[in-house]
Amino acid sequence: MRPAFNPILINDAFSDPGLFIPFCFQKRALLFDLGEIQTLTAKDLLKISHIFVTHTHMDHFVGFDTLLRLLLGRDRELHLFGPPGFFKQVEGKLAGYTWNLVEEFQEHLRLQVTEVWPDKIVSKSYFCREQFKPQAAMTAPFDGFLLREPSFYVKAMLLDHRIPCLGLALVEDFSINIHKERLQELGLPIGPWLTRFKTALYERRDPRSDFMVTWKEAKESKKEKPFILGELADKIAQYSPGQKIVYITDVVYNQENRDRIIELAQEADHLFIEAAFLDCDRDTARQKYHLTAREAGELANLAKVKRLSTFHYSPRYTHCPEELEAEAQKAFKGFINPENRRIKKT
């Protein structure tokens, strides 16, 4: 079964963190963290609709300028989410440039920015043609969800990195895969209509409703073929459980973080989690508010995730990255028995 989205770490384990999540058969992607993004093409970056920034240390936010420059002069809306204080950081970036000519732009770039607090989310709009001056803030209760769409949602928890830091989970409601051979039997091509079709199924529209398949062939006018939605689904669609992707970076190992990470990552299909230090250097990890590779593996084990990927290694291990990976995987697979060691309060 082909997944609906395919998460990819943007950089190697020693470079800026970031998870690029493109959606199959759609010109769309999500981004977790906004550090150095030069490895992504302009085509990739233009797919991004929502960015979730764990915190605004430079290695998690320096890519904002690169993306903004690419979007200027385009009719686009970009949604950004970050922890408390995020408005100040975004506005500081925007204040670094002169915007005296943007009123002449025909295109209308819009930034929708949201701060995530323990009990609320606060949102502001910034319009390019208005020199990115912040609009009036809107506040709503925070129920753990940052984005809800018919086919998936993004959930977040605030974690401790000496400053608030977001832990993120992308959860697909259910997955719809299309049988290509059955499309051929019906004389239907792969095309944009499949996105409309899947949307109708995710929105649980009446299966008795009409659905029109439309497409174009070379040098021919538009073609269309009518179906009953439920009958077409029975012929070409297969349902399966959706994916759960979790992203954790820049957190200290304390009891509260431990419990929250395990809750957020519970039974995830894929956990991306930092492993900054070897466990023999855990005192340094505590001082810098990061996880060790062993701690990352143990959290994955306790959360019963299916797959573990580690990243955000300290540069002190450039000569032995395999040791970090091995330590994390051993703990993940239960080959290292957890010690009854005391979790230090921070």
C-alpha atoms as a PDB file:
ATOM      1  CA  MET A   1       0.000   0.000   0.000  1.00  0.00           C
ATOM      2  CA  ARG A   2       1.427   3.347  -0.997  1.00  0.00           C
ATOM      3  CA  PRO A   3       1.294   5.879   1.876  1.00  0.00           C
ATOM      4  CA  ALA A   4      -0.494   9.190   1.472  1.00  0.00           C
ATOM      5  CA  PHE A   5       2.615  11.079   2.562  1.00  0.00           C
ATOM      6  CA  ASN A   6       6.309  10.314   2.732  1.00  0.00           C
ATOM      7  CA  PRO A   7       8.281  12.187   5.448  1.00  0.00           C
ATOM      8  CA  ILE A   8      11.911  13.002   4.659  1.00  0.00           C
ATOM      9  CA  LEU A   9      14.557  14.492   6.944  1.00  0.00           C
ATOM     10  CA  ILE A  10      15.816  17.540   5.075  1.00  0.00           C
ATOM     11  CA  ASN A  11      19.454  17.363   6.136  1.00  0.00           C
ATOM     12  CA  ASP A  12      21.959  14.871   7.470  1.00  0.00           C
ATOM     13  CA  ALA A  13      22.032  14.031  11.176  1.00  0.00           C
ATOM     14  CA  PHE A  14      24.618  16.712  12.009  1.00  0.00           C
ATOM     15  CA  SER A  15      22.909  19.563  10.151  1.00  0.00           C
ATOM     16  CA  ASP A  16      19.836  21.671  10.874  1.00  0.00           C
ATOM     17  CA  PRO A  17      16.770  19.641  11.837  1.00  0.00           C
ATOM     18  CA  GLY A  18      13.704  19.616   9.631  1.00  0.00           C
ATOM     19  CA  LEU A  19      11.123  17.165   8.317  1.00  0.00           C
ATOM     20  CA  PHE A  20       9.629  17.661   4.840  1.00  0.00           C
ATOM     21  CA  ILE A  21       6.310  15.862   4.346  1.00  0.00           C
ATOM     22  CA  PRO A  22       5.051  15.850   0.735  1.00  0.00           C
ATOM     23  CA  PHE A  23       1.633  14.421  -0.086  1.00  0.00           C
ATOM     24  CA  CYS A  24       1.357  11.846  -2.849  1.00  0.00           C
ATOM     25  CA  PHE A  25      -0.643  12.904  -5.926  1.00  0.00           C
ATOM     26  CA  GLN A  26      -0.911  16.456  -4.571  1.00  0.00           C
ATOM     27  CA  LYS A  27       1.153  19.588  -5.051  1.00  0.00           C
ATOM     28  CA  ARG A  28       1.258  20.048  -1.313  1.00  0.00           C
ATOM     29  CA  ALA A  29       3.588  19.490   1.638  1.00  0.00           C
ATOM     30  CA  LEU A  30       3.972  20.243   5.343  1.00  0.00           C
ATOM     31  CA  LEU A  31       7.214  21.205   7.074  1.00  0.00           C
ATOM     32  CA  PHE A  32       8.285  20.525  10.652  1.00  0.00           C
ATOM     33  CA  ASP A  33      10.980  23.094  11.569  1.00  0.00           C
ATOM     34  CA  LEU A  34      12.457  25.764   9.334  1.00  0.00           C
ATOM     35  CA  GLY A  35      16.236  25.581   9.615  1.00  0.00           C
ATOM     36  CA  GLU A  36      18.595  25.430   6.645  1.00  0.00           C
ATOM     37  CA  ILE A  37      16.426  24.371   3.667  1.00  0.00           C
ATOM     38  CA  GLN A  38      18.823  24.684   0.729  1.00  0.00           C
ATOM     39  CA  THR A  39      18.544  20.951   0.040  1.00  0.00           C
ATOM     40  CA  LEU A  40      14.913  21.447  -0.982  1.00  0.00           C
ATOM     41  CA  THR A  41      14.184  22.647  -4.505  1.00  0.00           C
ATOM     42  CA  ALA A  42      12.009  25.656  -5.272  1.00  0.00           C
ATOM     43  CA  LYS A  43       9.407  23.188  -6.543  1.00  0.00           C
ATOM     44  CA  ASP A  44       9.457  21.451  -3.153  1.00  0.00           C
ATOM     45  CA  LEU A  45       9.247  24.689  -1.187  1.00  0.00           C
ATOM     46  CA  LEU A  46       6.306  25.967  -3.215  1.00  0.00           C
ATOM     47  CA  LYS A  47       4.305  22.907  -2.157  1.00  0.00           C
ATOM     48  CA  ILE A  48       4.457  23.882   1.516  1.00  0.00           C
ATOM     49  CA  SER A  49       1.175  25.132   2.959  1.00  0.00           C
ATOM     50  CA  HIS A  50       1.826  24.811   6.724  1.00  0.00           C
ATOM     51  CA  ILE A  51       5.038  25.062   8.760  1.00  0.00           C
ATOM     52  CA  PHE A  52       5.302  23.978  12.386  1.00  0.00           C
ATOM     53  CA  VAL A  53       8.345  25.486  14.129  1.00  0.00           C
ATOM     54  CA  THR A  54       9.305  23.685  17.346  1.00  0.00           C
ATOM     55  CA  HIS A  55      11.155  26.769  18.656  1.00  0.00           C
ATOM     56  CA  THR A  56      13.114  29.664  17.195  1.00  0.00           C
ATOM     57  CA  HIS A  57      16.730  28.794  17.892  1.00  0.00           C
ATOM     58  CA  MET A  58      18.645  29.650  14.721  1.00  0.00           C
ATOM     59  CA  ASP A  59      19.030  26.071  13.484  1.00  0.00           C
ATOM     60  CA  HIS A  60      15.239  25.663  13.561  1.00  0.00           C
ATOM     61  CA  PHE A  61      14.196  28.999  12.043  1.00  0.00           C
ATOM     62  CA  VAL A  62      16.965  30.410   9.838  1.00  0.00           C
ATOM     63  CA  GLY A  63      15.190  29.196   6.688  1.00  0.00           C
ATOM     64  CA  PHE A  64      12.357  31.687   7.108  1.00  0.00           C
ATOM     65  CA  ASP A  65      14.130  34.311   4.980  1.00  0.00           C
ATOM     66  CA  THR A  66      14.845  31.832   2.182  1.00  0.00           C
ATOM     67  CA  LEU A  67      11.222  30.775   1.963  1.00  0.00           C
ATOM     68  CA  LEU A  68       9.876  34.316   2.251  1.00  0.00           C
ATOM     69  CA  ARG A  69      12.076  35.479  -0.625  1.00  0.00           C
ATOM     70  CA  LEU A  70      10.755  32.657  -2.814  1.00  0.00           C
ATOM     71  CA  LEU A  71       7.120  33.462  -1.993  1.00  0.00           C
ATOM     72  CA  LEU A  72       7.329  37.224  -2.566  1.00  0.00           C
ATOM     73  CA  GLY A  73       5.392  38.202  -5.675  1.00  0.00           C
ATOM     74  CA  ARG A  74       3.186  35.111  -5.518  1.00  0.00           C
ATOM     75  CA  ASP A  75      -0.476  34.804  -4.622  1.00  0.00           C
ATOM     76  CA  ARG A  76      -0.043  32.426  -1.719  1.00  0.00           C
ATOM     77  CA  GLU A  77      -1.133  31.851   1.864  1.00  0.00           C
ATOM     78  CA  LEU A  78       1.391  30.326   4.252  1.00  0.00           C
ATOM     79  CA  HIS A  79       0.486  29.123   7.740  1.00  0.00           C
ATOM     80  CA  LEU A  80       3.159  29.118  10.467  1.00  0.00           C
ATOM     81  CA  PHE A  81       2.882  27.760  14.007  1.00  0.00           C
ATOM     82  CA  GLY A  82       5.299  28.214  16.892  1.00  0.00           C
ATOM     83  CA  PRO A  83       5.549  28.300  20.704  1.00  0.00           C
ATOM     84  CA  PRO A  84       4.957  31.333  22.974  1.00  0.00           C
ATOM     85  CA  GLY A  85       6.889  34.372  21.719  1.00  0.00           C
ATOM     86  CA  PHE A  86       6.628  33.301  18.066  1.00  0.00           C
ATOM     87  CA  PHE A  87       5.038  36.592  16.963  1.00  0.00           C
ATOM     88  CA  LYS A  88       8.033  38.542  18.221  1.00  0.00           C
ATOM     89  CA  GLN A  89      10.440  36.348  16.257  1.00  0.00           C
ATOM     90  CA  VAL A  90       8.417  36.461  13.022  1.00  0.00           C
ATOM     91  CA  GLU A  91       7.910  40.224  13.308  1.00  0.00           C
ATOM     92  CA  GLY A  92      11.617  40.670  13.995  1.00  0.00           C
ATOM     93  CA  LYS A  93      12.419  38.855  10.771  1.00  0.00           C
ATOM     94  CA  LEU A  94       9.923  40.932   8.805  1.00  0.00           C
ATOM     95  CA  ALA A  95      11.185  44.168  10.356  1.00  0.00           C
ATOM     96  CA  GLY A  96      14.644  43.501   8.970  1.00  0.00           C
ATOM     97  CA  TYR A  97      13.596  44.510   5.448  1.00  0.00           C
ATOM     98  CA  THR A  98      12.153  47.583   3.721  1.00  0.00           C
ATOM     99  CA  TRP A  99       8.707  47.020   2.206  1.00  0.00           C
ATOM    100  CA  ASN A 100       8.034  50.351   0.472  1.00  0.00           C
ATOM    101  CA  LEU A 101       7.303  48.788  -2.953  1.00  0.00           C
ATOM    102  CA  VAL A 102       5.040  45.897  -2.027  1.00  0.00           C
ATOM    103  CA  GLU A 103       1.833  47.930  -2.412  1.00  0.00           C
ATOM    104  CA  GLU A 104       2.425  47.698  -6.164  1.00  0.00           C
ATOM    105  CA  PHE A 105       2.404  43.883  -6.217  1.00  0.00           C
ATOM    106  CA  GLN A 106      -0.521  42.355  -8.078  1.00  0.00           C
ATOM    107  CA  GLU A 107      -0.186  39.100  -6.142  1.00  0.00           C
ATOM    108  CA  HIS A 108      -1.283  38.886  -2.538  1.00  0.00           C
ATOM    109  CA  LEU A 109       1.033  36.965  -0.206  1.00  0.00           C
ATOM    110  CA  ARG A 110      -0.496  36.283   3.203  1.00  0.00           C
ATOM    111  CA  LEU A 111       1.148  34.895   6.331  1.00  0.00           C
ATOM    112  CA  GLN A 112      -1.121  33.341   8.948  1.00  0.00           C
ATOM    113  CA  VAL A 113       0.904  32.984  12.159  1.00  0.00           C
ATOM    114  CA  THR A 114      -0.180  31.132  15.302  1.00  0.00           C
ATOM    115  CA  GLU A 115       1.367  31.055  18.776  1.00  0.00           C
ATOM    116  CA  VAL A 116       0.717  27.917  20.808  1.00  0.00           C
ATOM    117  CA  TRP A 117       0.251  28.320  24.569  1.00  0.00           C
ATOM    118  CA  PRO A 118      -0.630  25.647  27.141  1.00  0.00           C
ATOM    119  CA  ASP A 119      -4.274  26.737  27.247  1.00  0.00           C
ATOM    120  CA  LYS A 120      -4.817  28.762  24.076  1.00  0.00           C
ATOM    121  CA  ILE A 121      -3.722  29.512  20.531  1.00  0.00           C
ATOM    122  CA  VAL A 122      -3.370  33.082  19.316  1.00  0.00           C
ATOM    123  CA  SER A 123      -3.338  33.917  15.597  1.00  0.00           C
ATOM    124  CA  LYS A 124      -2.376  36.986  13.575  1.00  0.00           C
ATOM    125  CA  SER A 125      -2.397  37.758   9.861  1.00  0.00           C
ATOM    126  CA  TYR A 126       0.376  39.583   7.969  1.00  0.00           C
ATOM    127  CA  PHE A 127      -0.344  40.832   4.441  1.00  0.00           C
ATOM    128  CA  CYS A 128       2.502  41.564   2.052  1.00  0.00           C
ATOM    129  CA  ARG A 129       0.715  44.455   0.330  1.00  0.00           C
ATOM    130  CA  GLU A 130       0.238  46.048   3.754  1.00  0.00           C
ATOM    131  CA  GLN A 131       3.977  45.828   4.503  1.00  0.00           C
ATOM    132  CA  PHE A 132       3.391  42.810   6.757  1.00  0.00           C
ATOM    133  CA  LYS A 133       1.861  44.917   9.522  1.00  0.00           C
ATOM    134  CA  PRO A 134       0.214  42.562  12.045  1.00  0.00           C
ATOM    135  CA  GLN A 135      -3.569  42.436  12.019  1.00  0.00           C
ATOM    136  CA  ALA A 136      -5.678  42.098  15.155  1.00  0.00           C
ATOM    137  CA  ALA A 137      -5.017  38.910  17.117  1.00  0.00           C
ATOM    138  CA  MET A 138      -7.620  36.172  17.428  1.00  0.00           C
ATOM    139  CA  THR A 139      -7.610  33.776  20.391  1.00  0.00           C
ATOM    140  CA  ALA A 140      -9.115  30.312  20.755  1.00  0.00           C
ATOM    141  CA  PRO A 141      -8.805  27.510  23.322  1.00  0.00           C
ATOM    142  CA  PHE A 142      -6.010  25.025  22.651  1.00  0.00           C
ATOM    143  CA  ASP A 143      -7.273  21.441  22.587  1.00  0.00           C
ATOM    144  CA  GLY A 144      -4.032  19.888  21.369  1.00  0.00           C
ATOM    145  CA  PHE A 145      -4.851  20.195  17.666  1.00  0.00           C
ATOM    146  CA  LEU A 146      -3.189  22.750  15.390  1.00  0.00           C
ATOM    147  CA  LEU A 147      -4.623  21.641  12.058  1.00  0.00           C
ATOM    148  CA  ARG A 148      -7.634  19.500  11.221  1.00  0.00           C
ATOM    149  CA  GLU A 149      -8.522  18.401   7.697  1.00  0.00           C
ATOM    150  CA  PRO A 150     -10.823  15.630   6.495  1.00  0.00           C
ATOM    151  CA  SER A 151      -7.969  13.182   5.928  1.00  0.00           C
ATOM    152  CA  PHE A 152      -5.496  14.076   8.706  1.00  0.00           C
ATOM    153  CA  TYR A 153      -4.682  16.282  11.675  1.00  0.00           C
ATOM    154  CA  VAL A 154      -1.598  17.749  13.331  1.00  0.00           C
ATOM    155  CA  LYS A 155      -1.394  17.565  17.103  1.00  0.00           C
ATOM    156  CA  ALA A 156       1.160  19.289  19.351  1.00  0.00           C
ATOM    157  CA  MET A 157       2.411  19.278  22.928  1.00  0.00           C
ATOM    158  CA  LEU A 158       4.608  21.841  24.651  1.00  0.00           C
ATOM    159  CA  LEU A 159       7.866  20.324  25.888  1.00  0.00           C
ATOM    160  CA  ASP A 160      10.787  21.673  27.930  1.00  0.00           C
ATOM    161  CA  HIS A 161      14.015  22.861  26.266  1.00  0.00           C
ATOM    162  CA  ARG A 162      14.575  25.515  28.928  1.00  0.00           C
ATOM    163  CA  ILE A 163      12.137  27.363  26.713  1.00  0.00           C
ATOM    164  CA  PRO A 164       8.811  25.966  25.436  1.00  0.00           C
ATOM    165  CA  CYS A 165       9.324  23.660  22.446  1.00  0.00           C
ATOM    166  CA  LEU A 166       6.672  21.927  20.355  1.00  0.00           C
ATOM    167  CA  GLY A 167       6.482  18.170  19.940  1.00  0.00           C
ATOM    168  CA  LEU A 168       4.491  17.316  16.800  1.00  0.00           C
ATOM    169  CA  ALA A 169       2.372  14.441  15.504  1.00  0.00           C
ATOM    170  CA  LEU A 170       0.843  14.105  12.036  1.00  0.00           C
ATOM    171  CA  VAL A 171      -1.985  11.559  12.067  1.00  0.00           C
ATOM    172  CA  GLU A 172      -3.816  10.311   8.999  1.00  0.00           C
ATOM    173  CA  ASP A 173      -7.457   9.383   9.651  1.00  0.00           C
ATOM    174  CA  PHE A 174      -7.357   6.499   7.188  1.00  0.00           C
ATOM    175  CA  SER A 175      -5.529   5.833   3.953  1.00  0.00           C
ATOM    176  CA  ILE A 176      -7.109   5.432   0.525  1.00  0.00           C
ATOM    177  CA  ASN A 177      -5.173   3.601  -2.150  1.00  0.00           C
ATOM    178  CA  ILE A 178      -6.265   3.371  -5.773  1.00  0.00           C
ATOM    179  CA  HIS A 179      -6.069   0.150  -7.804  1.00  0.00           C
ATOM    180  CA  LYS A 180      -4.463   1.281 -11.044  1.00  0.00           C
ATOM    181  CA  GLU A 181      -5.386  -1.878 -12.938  1.00  0.00           C
ATOM    182  CA  ARG A 182      -9.049  -1.286 -12.109  1.00  0.00           C
ATOM    183  CA  LEU A 183      -8.751   2.264 -13.399  1.00  0.00           C
ATOM    184  CA  GLN A 184      -7.496   0.833 -16.669  1.00  0.00           C
ATOM    185  CA  GLU A 185     -10.395  -1.616 -16.796  1.00  0.00           C
ATOM    186  CA  LEU A 186     -12.795   1.329 -16.460  1.00  0.00           C
ATOM    187  CA  GLY A 187     -10.896   3.374 -19.028  1.00  0.00           C
ATOM    188  CA  LEU A 188     -10.009   6.053 -16.474  1.00  0.00           C
ATOM    189  CA  PRO A 189      -6.653   7.868 -16.334  1.00  0.00           C
ATOM    190  CA  ILE A 190      -4.703   8.942 -13.274  1.00  0.00           C
ATOM    191  CA  GLY A 191      -5.225  12.675 -12.805  1.00  0.00           C
ATOM    192  CA  PRO A 192      -6.362  15.553 -10.590  1.00  0.00           C
ATOM    193  CA  TRP A 193      -9.844  14.048 -10.355  1.00  0.00           C
ATOM    194  CA  LEU A 194      -8.435  11.449  -7.945  1.00  0.00           C
ATOM    195  CA  THR A 195      -7.766  14.205  -5.408  1.00  0.00           C
ATOM    196  CA  ARG A 196     -11.429  15.262  -5.643  1.00  0.00           C
ATOM    197  CA  PHE A 197     -12.467  11.630  -5.350  1.00  0.00           C
ATOM    198  CA  LYS A 198     -10.374  10.990  -2.235  1.00  0.00           C
ATOM    199  CA  THR A 199     -11.580  14.245  -0.676  1.00  0.00           C
ATOM    200  CA  ALA A 200     -15.167  13.125  -1.151  1.00  0.00           C
ATOM    201  CA  LEU A 201     -14.390   9.847   0.626  1.00  0.00           C
ATOM    202  CA  TYR A 202     -12.472  11.521   3.465  1.00  0.00           C
ATOM    203  CA  GLU A 203     -15.377  13.918   3.960  1.00  0.00           C
ATOM    204  CA  ARG A 204     -17.699  10.904   4.107  1.00  0.00           C
ATOM    205  CA  ARG A 205     -20.047  12.239   1.485  1.00  0.00           C
ATOM    206  CA  ASP A 206     -23.200  10.291   0.731  1.00  0.00           C
ATOM    207  CA  PRO A 207     -22.087   7.173  -1.208  1.00  0.00           C
ATOM    208  CA  ARG A 208     -25.303   7.469  -3.251  1.00  0.00           C
ATOM    209  CA  SER A 209     -24.289  10.899  -4.557  1.00  0.00           C
ATOM    210  CA  ASP A 210     -23.171  11.538  -8.128  1.00  0.00           C
ATOM    211  CA  PHE A 211     -19.466  11.863  -8.930  1.00  0.00           C
ATOM    212  CA  MET A 212     -18.163  13.052 -12.285  1.00  0.00           C
ATOM    213  CA  VAL A 213     -14.721  11.914 -13.436  1.00  0.00           C
ATOM    214  CA  THR A 214     -13.218  14.539 -15.737  1.00  0.00           C
ATOM    215  CA  TRP A 215      -9.930  14.589 -17.617  1.00  0.00           C
ATOM    216  CA  LYS A 216      -8.242  15.848 -20.747  1.00  0.00           C
ATOM    217  CA  GLU A 217      -6.348  13.912 -23.354  1.00  0.00           C
ATOM    218  CA  ALA A 218      -3.767  15.333 -25.751  1.00  0.00           C
ATOM    219  CA  LYS A 219      -5.343  17.494 -28.497  1.00  0.00           C
ATOM    220  CA  GLU A 220      -8.830  16.545 -27.323  1.00  0.00           C
ATOM    221  CA  SER A 221     -11.526  18.407 -25.435  1.00  0.00           C
ATOM    222  CA  LYS A 222     -12.421  17.604 -21.862  1.00  0.00           C
ATOM    223  CA  LYS A 223     -13.808  14.128 -21.269  1.00  0.00           C
ATOM    224  CA  GLU A 224     -16.140  13.110 -18.467  1.00  0.00           C
ATOM    225  CA  LYS A 225     -17.790   9.998 -17.179  1.00  0.00           C
ATOM    226  CA  PRO A 226     -20.491   9.859 -14.486  1.00  0.00           C
ATOM    227  CA  PHE A 227     -20.456   7.454 -11.535  1.00  0.00           C
ATOM    228  CA  ILE A 228     -22.183   6.892  -8.225  1.00  0.00           C
ATOM    229  CA  LEU A 229     -19.569   7.744  -5.573  1.00  0.00           C
ATOM    230  CA  GLY A 230     -19.961   4.584  -3.494  1.00  0.00           C
ATOM    231  CA  GLU A 231     -20.006   2.292  -6.538  1.00  0.00           C
ATOM    232  CA  LEU A 232     -16.807   3.865  -7.887  1.00  0.00           C
ATOM    233  CA  ALA A 233     -15.159   3.525  -4.464  1.00  0.00           C
ATOM    234  CA  ASP A 234     -16.044  -0.174  -4.336  1.00  0.00           C
ATOM    235  CA  LYS A 235     -14.389  -0.684  -7.708  1.00  0.00           C
ATOM    236  CA  ILE A 236     -11.135   1.282  -7.397  1.00  0.00           C
ATOM    237  CA  ALA A 237     -10.456   2.208  -3.748  1.00  0.00           C
ATOM    238  CA  GLN A 238      -8.926   0.261  -0.901  1.00  0.00           C
ATOM    239  CA  TYR A 239      -8.998   1.550   2.671  1.00  0.00           C
ATOM    240  CA  SER A 240      -6.286   0.953   5.259  1.00  0.00           C
ATOM    241  CA  PRO A 241      -5.309   2.435   8.642  1.00  0.00           C
ATOM    242  CA  GLY A 242      -3.652   5.833   8.344  1.00  0.00           C
ATOM    243  CA  GLN A 243      -0.076   6.703   9.255  1.00  0.00           C
ATOM    244  CA  LYS A 244       1.095   8.427  12.407  1.00  0.00           C
ATOM    245  CA  ILE A 245       4.331  10.425  12.164  1.00  0.00           C
ATOM    246  CA  VAL A 246       5.877  12.034  15.269  1.00  0.00           C
ATOM    247  CA  TYR A 247       8.703  14.590  15.426  1.00  0.00           C
ATOM    248  CA  ILE A 248      10.584  15.355  18.662  1.00  0.00           C
ATOM    249  CA  THR A 249      13.658  17.543  18.945  1.00  0.00           C
ATOM    250  CA  ASP A 250      15.478  19.699  21.503  1.00  0.00           C
ATOM    251  CA  VAL A 251      14.069  18.402  24.769  1.00  0.00           C
ATOM    252  CA  VAL A 252      15.616  17.494  28.103  1.00  0.00           C
ATOM    253  CA  TYR A 253      14.977  14.074  29.638  1.00  0.00           C
ATOM    254  CA  ASN A 254      12.791  14.783  32.643  1.00  0.00           C
ATOM    255  CA  GLN A 255       9.639  13.142  33.938  1.00  0.00           C
ATOM    256  CA  GLU A 256       7.193  15.587  32.384  1.00  0.00           C
ATOM    257  CA  ASN A 257       8.831  15.490  28.951  1.00  0.00           C
ATOM    258  CA  ARG A 258       9.106  11.705  29.155  1.00  0.00           C
ATOM    259  CA  ASP A 259       5.405  11.249  29.882  1.00  0.00           C
ATOM    260  CA  ARG A 260       4.307  13.722  27.225  1.00  0.00           C
ATOM    261  CA  ILE A 261       6.543  12.280  24.513  1.00  0.00           C
ATOM    262  CA  ILE A 262       5.322   8.737  25.208  1.00  0.00           C
ATOM    263  CA  GLU A 263       1.718   9.934  25.052  1.00  0.00           C
ATOM    264  CA  LEU A 264       2.225  11.874  21.822  1.00  0.00           C
ATOM    265  CA  ALA A 265       4.225   9.114  20.111  1.00  0.00           C
ATOM    266  CA  GLN A 266       2.090   6.189  21.281  1.00  0.00           C
ATOM    267  CA  GLU A 267       2.060   3.491  18.562  1.00  0.00           C
ATOM    268  CA  ALA A 268       3.386   5.852  15.896  1.00  0.00           C
ATOM    269  CA  ASP A 269       4.352   4.329  12.573  1.00  0.00           C
ATOM    270  CA  HIS A 270       7.506   6.463  12.469  1.00  0.00           C
ATOM    271  CA  LEU A 271       9.161   8.459  15.241  1.00  0.00           C
ATOM    272  CA  PHE A 272      11.758  11.061  14.266  1.00  0.00           C
ATOM    273  CA  ILE A 273      13.584  12.028  17.445  1.00  0.00           C
ATOM    274  CA  GLU A 274      16.820  13.769  18.312  1.00  0.00           C
ATOM    275  CA  ALA A 275      19.738  11.780  19.740  1.00  0.00           C
ATOM    276  CA  ALA A 276      22.220  14.532  20.448  1.00  0.00           C
ATOM    277  CA  PHE A 277      24.650  12.730  22.780  1.00  0.00           C
ATOM    278  CA  LEU A 278      25.803   9.259  23.747  1.00  0.00           C
ATOM    279  CA  ASP A 279      24.478   8.142  27.093  1.00  0.00           C
ATOM    280  CA  CYS A 280      27.952   8.240  28.624  1.00  0.00           C
ATOM    281  CA  ASP A 281      27.691  12.012  28.114  1.00  0.00           C
ATOM    282  CA  ARG A 282      24.221  12.348  29.613  1.00  0.00           C
ATOM    283  CA  ASP A 283      25.350  14.966  32.148  1.00  0.00           C
ATOM    284  CA  THR A 284      26.274  17.201  29.221  1.00  0.00           C
ATOM    285  CA  ALA A 285      22.936  16.368  27.581  1.00  0.00           C
ATOM    286  CA  ARG A 286      21.124  17.509  30.733  1.00  0.00           C
ATOM    287  CA  GLN A 287      23.079  20.775  30.832  1.00  0.00           C
ATOM    288  CA  LYS A 288      22.212  21.490  27.197  1.00  0.00           C
ATOM    289  CA  TYR A 289      18.608  20.258  27.510  1.00  0.00           C
ATOM    290  CA  HIS A 290      18.936  17.510  24.909  1.00  0.00           C
ATOM    291  CA  LEU A 291      18.323  13.761  24.744  1.00  0.00           C
ATOM    292  CA  THR A 292      20.906  11.009  24.589  1.00  0.00           C
ATOM    293  CA  ALA A 293      20.642   8.316  21.939  1.00  0.00           C
ATOM    294  CA  ARG A 294      19.749   5.755  24.586  1.00  0.00           C
ATOM    295  CA  GLU A 295      16.970   7.950  25.938  1.00  0.00           C
ATOM    296  CA  ALA A 296      15.608   8.429  22.420  1.00  0.00           C
ATOM    297  CA  GLY A 297      15.533   4.654  21.909  1.00  0.00           C
ATOM    298  CA  GLU A 298      13.937   3.980  25.272  1.00  0.00           C
ATOM    299  CA  LEU A 299      11.194   6.537  24.597  1.00  0.00           C
ATOM    300  CA  ALA A 300      10.509   4.869  21.242  1.00  0.00           C
ATOM    301  CA  ASN A 301      10.347   1.484  22.943  1.00  0.00           C
ATOM    302  CA  LEU A 302       7.999   2.677  25.670  1.00  0.00           C
ATOM    303  CA  ALA A 303       5.749   4.378  23.108  1.00  0.00           C
ATOM    304  CA  LYS A 304       5.634   1.155  21.059  1.00  0.00           C
ATOM    305  CA  VAL A 305       6.475   2.900  17.807  1.00  0.00           C
ATOM    306  CA  LYS A 306       7.059   0.832  14.689  1.00  0.00           C
ATOM    307  CA  ARG A 307      10.069   2.653  13.263  1.00  0.00           C
ATOM    308  CA  LEU A 308      12.706   4.952  14.756  1.00  0.00           C
ATOM    309  CA  SER A 309      14.871   7.550  13.004  1.00  0.00           C
ATOM    310  CA  THR A 310      17.364   9.673  14.933  1.00  0.00           C
ATOM    311  CA  PHE A 311      18.887  13.031  13.986  1.00  0.00           C
ATOM    312  CA  HIS A 312      20.329  16.274  15.430  1.00  0.00           C
ATOM    313  CA  TYR A 313      23.630  14.712  16.517  1.00  0.00           C
ATOM    314  CA  SER A 314      26.189  16.803  18.392  1.00  0.00           C
ATOM    315  CA  PRO A 315      29.221  17.647  16.203  1.00  0.00           C
ATOM    316  CA  ARG A 316      31.477  16.025  18.788  1.00  0.00           C
ATOM    317  CA  TYR A 317      30.482  12.668  17.244  1.00  0.00           C
ATOM    318  CA  THR A 318      31.274  13.424  13.607  1.00  0.00           C
ATOM    319  CA  HIS A 319      33.906  10.672  13.731  1.00  0.00           C
ATOM    320  CA  CYS A 320      31.463   8.061  15.074  1.00  0.00           C
ATOM    321  CA  PRO A 321      27.823   8.726  14.084  1.00  0.00           C
ATOM    322  CA  GLU A 322      27.207   4.990  13.921  1.00  0.00           C
ATOM    323  CA  GLU A 323      27.617   4.800  17.708  1.00  0.00           C
ATOM    324  CA  LEU A 324      24.677   7.131  18.268  1.00  0.00           C
ATOM    325  CA  GLU A 325      22.509   5.185  15.847  1.00  0.00           C
ATOM    326  CA  ALA A 326      23.507   1.844  17.368  1.00  0.00           C
ATOM    327  CA  GLU A 327      22.858   2.980  20.939  1.00  0.00           C
ATOM    328  CA  ALA A 328      19.416   4.313  20.022  1.00  0.00           C
ATOM    329  CA  GLN A 329      18.411   1.178  18.105  1.00  0.00           C
ATOM    330  CA  LYS A 330      19.583  -1.164  20.876  1.00  0.00           C
ATOM    331  CA  ALA A 331      17.464   0.682  23.425  1.00  0.00           C
ATOM    332  CA  PHE A 332      14.548   0.777  20.990  1.00  0.00           C
ATOM    333  CA  LYS A 333      14.680  -2.982  20.468  1.00  0.00           C
ATOM    334  CA  GLY A 334      14.991  -3.643  24.201  1.00  0.00           C
ATOM    335  CA  PHE A 335      18.554  -4.917  24.103  1.00  0.00           C
ATOM    336  CA  ILE A 336      19.494  -2.416  26.818  1.00  0.00           C
ATOM    337  CA  ASN A 337      17.595  -2.891  30.039  1.00  0.00           C
ATOM    338  CA  PRO A 338      16.434   0.430  31.476  1.00  0.00           C
ATOM    339  CA  GLU A 339      18.200   1.371  34.676  1.00  0.00           C
ATOM    340  CA  ASN A 340      16.273   2.446  37.755  1.00  0.00           C
ATOM    341  CA  ARG A 341      18.061   5.722  37.499  1.00  0.00           C
ATOM    342  CA  ARG A 342      16.613   8.813  38.929  1.00  0.00           C
ATOM    343  CA  ILE A 343      15.284  11.401  36.520  1.00  0.00           C
ATOM    344  CA  LYS A 344      16.755  14.725  37.516  1.00  0.00           C
ATOM    345  CA  LYS A 345      14.431  17.630  37.985  1.00  0.00           C
ATOM    346  CA  THR A 346      15.197  20.660  35.841  1.00  0.00           C
END
